[in-house]
Amino acid sequence: MAKAKTIKKEQLEELQNLVNQLQSVQSQIGGLEAQKHELLHIIANGKTKLDQVQADLQKEYGDVSVDIKTGEIKKNESDKKD
């Protein structure tokens, strides 16, 4: 039986290194996409909670703006003139 032809050792090593690099980068991208997905869920949940807090504040204090640094409440001025 004839021995199968093979590429040179240096060519094989270069080929293996390149394939390994690409697989590693693809794996890293997959990990980043998973992190992105998780972070998007955190943002969505945070927005839902913020909407609820804002609704609660509006029920308690009416149409106001709250200074996020001091907690100071200011009545929102209506665009309508009586």
Protein backbone atom coordinates (compact mmCIF):
# COMPACT_ATOMS: atom_id res chain seq x y z
CA MET A 1 0.00 0.00 0.00
CA ALA A 2 1.33 3.43 -0.95
CA LYS A 3 1.96 6.02 1.71
CA ALA A 4 -0.48 8.96 1.53
CA LYS A 5 0.97 12.29 0.46
CA THR A 6 1.11 14.92 3.18
CA ILE A 7 1.92 18.61 3.31
CA LYS A 8 5.14 19.83 4.87
CA LYS A 9 5.33 19.90 8.66
CA GLU A 10 5.65 23.73 8.69
CA GLN A 11 2.60 24.07 6.44
CA LEU A 12 0.58 21.76 8.67
CA GLU A 13 1.56 23.71 11.79
CA GLU A 14 0.65 27.03 10.14
CA LEU A 15 -2.69 25.60 9.01
CA GLN A 16 -3.43 24.19 12.47
CA ASN A 17 -2.49 27.48 14.16
CA LEU A 18 -4.75 29.50 11.88
CA VAL A 19 -7.70 27.14 12.35
CA ASN A 20 -7.18 27.16 16.13
CA GLN A 21 -7.03 30.98 16.18
CA LEU A 22 -10.27 31.25 14.22
CA GLN A 23 -12.02 28.72 16.46
CA SER A 24 -10.82 30.57 19.56
CA VAL A 25 -12.09 33.91 18.26
CA GLN A 26 -15.43 32.37 17.29
CA SER A 27 -15.74 30.92 20.78
CA GLN A 28 -14.96 34.31 22.34
CA ILE A 29 -17.58 35.97 20.14
CA GLY A 30 -20.12 33.41 21.33
CA GLY A 31 -19.26 34.24 24.93
CA LEU A 32 -19.62 37.96 24.26
CA GLU A 33 -22.99 37.42 22.59
CA ALA A 34 -24.17 35.48 25.64
CA GLN A 35 -23.02 38.34 27.90
CA LYS A 36 -24.75 40.85 25.62
CA HIS A 37 -27.98 38.83 25.82
CA GLU A 38 -27.79 38.75 29.61
CA LEU A 39 -27.09 42.49 29.81
CA LEU A 40 -30.03 43.27 27.53
CA HIS A 41 -32.28 41.36 29.94
CA ILE A 42 -30.88 43.38 32.84
CA ILE A 43 -31.63 46.62 30.96
CA ALA A 44 -35.18 45.49 30.15
CA ASN A 45 -35.83 44.54 33.79
CA GLY A 46 -34.34 47.82 34.98
CA LYS A 47 -36.58 49.81 32.65
CA THR A 48 -39.63 47.91 33.86
CA LYS A 49 -38.73 48.63 37.50
CA LEU A 50 -38.02 52.30 36.69
CA ASP A 51 -41.41 52.64 35.00
CA GLN A 52 -43.08 51.18 38.09
CA VAL A 53 -41.23 53.51 40.48
CA GLN A 54 -42.11 56.49 38.29
CA ALA A 55 -45.78 55.43 38.26
CA ASP A 56 -45.74 55.06 42.06
CA LEU A 57 -44.17 58.51 42.46
CA GLN A 58 -46.73 60.04 40.12
CA LYS A 59 -49.58 58.51 42.16
CA GLU A 60 -48.11 59.88 45.38
CA TYR A 61 -46.84 63.30 44.24
CA GLY A 62 -48.70 64.03 41.00
CA ASP A 63 -47.10 65.42 37.85
CA VAL A 64 -43.64 66.28 39.16
CA SER A 65 -39.98 66.09 38.24
CA VAL A 66 -37.52 64.66 40.73
CA ASP A 67 -33.89 65.81 40.93
CA ILE A 68 -32.11 62.47 40.86
CA LYS A 69 -29.19 63.85 42.94
CA THR A 70 -31.09 65.60 45.71
CA GLY A 71 -34.59 64.12 45.63
CA GLU A 72 -36.05 67.61 45.29
CA ILE A 73 -39.52 67.63 43.77
CA LYS A 74 -40.65 70.29 41.32
CA LYS A 75 -44.14 70.55 39.86
CA ASN A 76 -44.13 70.16 36.11
CA GLU A 77 -45.50 73.24 34.43
CA SER A 78 -48.44 72.61 32.20
CA ASP A 79 -48.18 73.65 28.57
CA LYS A 80 -51.78 74.87 28.78
CA LYS A 81 -52.53 78.43 29.81
CA ASP A 82 -55.74 78.94 31.79
